[in-house]
């Protein structure tokens, strides 16, 4: 009975992580489209949410990487317990909320893996982690994917401006905005094929560790459905804080740049998902936006913001690992320790939401300004476009 309760708790927290992943990563797909006025904010997040759910059903390769690759399976079964997985998820969720509050597009993927690795090391030892898989399917993609996506976006942006004579050809801007609708949708679909699967892999790993599912098997249909709906719902809530950073603070993104950035992101993520690489869609998207800024004008990138983002990238995995390790050290002591970790995690999560209400950011902060100062394509401030975590502060 204790194992069953722990498994249920892990599944709940995993879906909470999936939800935070959704609003944390909405910017990956829609930030540039909202910033350029190609899509209205609520329309953008609705499209993204639906396609995230669809994408969750297209592949399970990344889920298998999580459930079968990162944590070793020994002769006596998986080297990690449901309690350790719960502790690792706590580290991932809290890091997601912290970076969301500060508007930093850090990696939910690395937060998740960091939490799991930290928990596994403390609970089962260094040997419990398959470091070869971590390097080949997590670390290397993290280093290469933003560079590859950035180079593709740079070339695509340069060609876009060159072929349309710096986007002054009649109808060019309108054409690129329509193109952004398609390219942003592709990123959303790709996000579902990659990020939703990570939570599927965690739940599957938990079921295997608790002997409720056979080792070596993939996620069950109900797991795929639950994770797809959780990330879709999280995406629909908006996540304007990070969207503002990606859409406006890295570079002054225009429609041709947005189209180039989204297209290169979608291509990189879809190929990686097919190969089972659990890369960070946040890294890919941010790299694409930087590349699109360089493609338009070499100085058209705010490097101070990029520097903060890179620092967040570097410390995400170890920071989440430390929290996961500390949570494991306490949760593994007894049922009471597990309850204490759950209560502390809940309190910390609520604290971030309370702080967010004091410094609200909503859809109007992401939209592009017209020459007369009015919001492009978004109209007046709409309370429905507020981040749900900060909406009460607008009253």
Foldseek 3Di string as FASTA:
>chain_A
DVQVVLLVLLLVLLLVLLLLVQLLCLLLQPLQLQAQLLDAQLVSLLLLLVLLLVLLPPDQLLLCCLQDNFFDADPVGTQDASLLLSLLSLLLNLLSLVCLLQLFSAFSLLLSLLLSCLSSCLRRNPVRTPVVSCVPQEVVCQVPQLQQLLQQLLVQLLCLCVVCVHQPNPCSQVVLSPLSVVLSSLLSNLCSLAVLSNSQSSSSNNCRNSVVDPPPDGGDPVSSNSSSNSSSNSSSLHSQSNSLCLNPVFFVRHSSSSSSLSNSLSVSSNVSSVVNRNYGSSSNSSSSSNSSLCNSPVVGGDVVSVVVNVVSHVCSSNSSSVSSNVLSVQVVPDVVSSVVSVVVSVVSSVVSLVSCLVVWDWSQSSFHADPVRAGRNHGDDDLSGTNVSRSVSVD
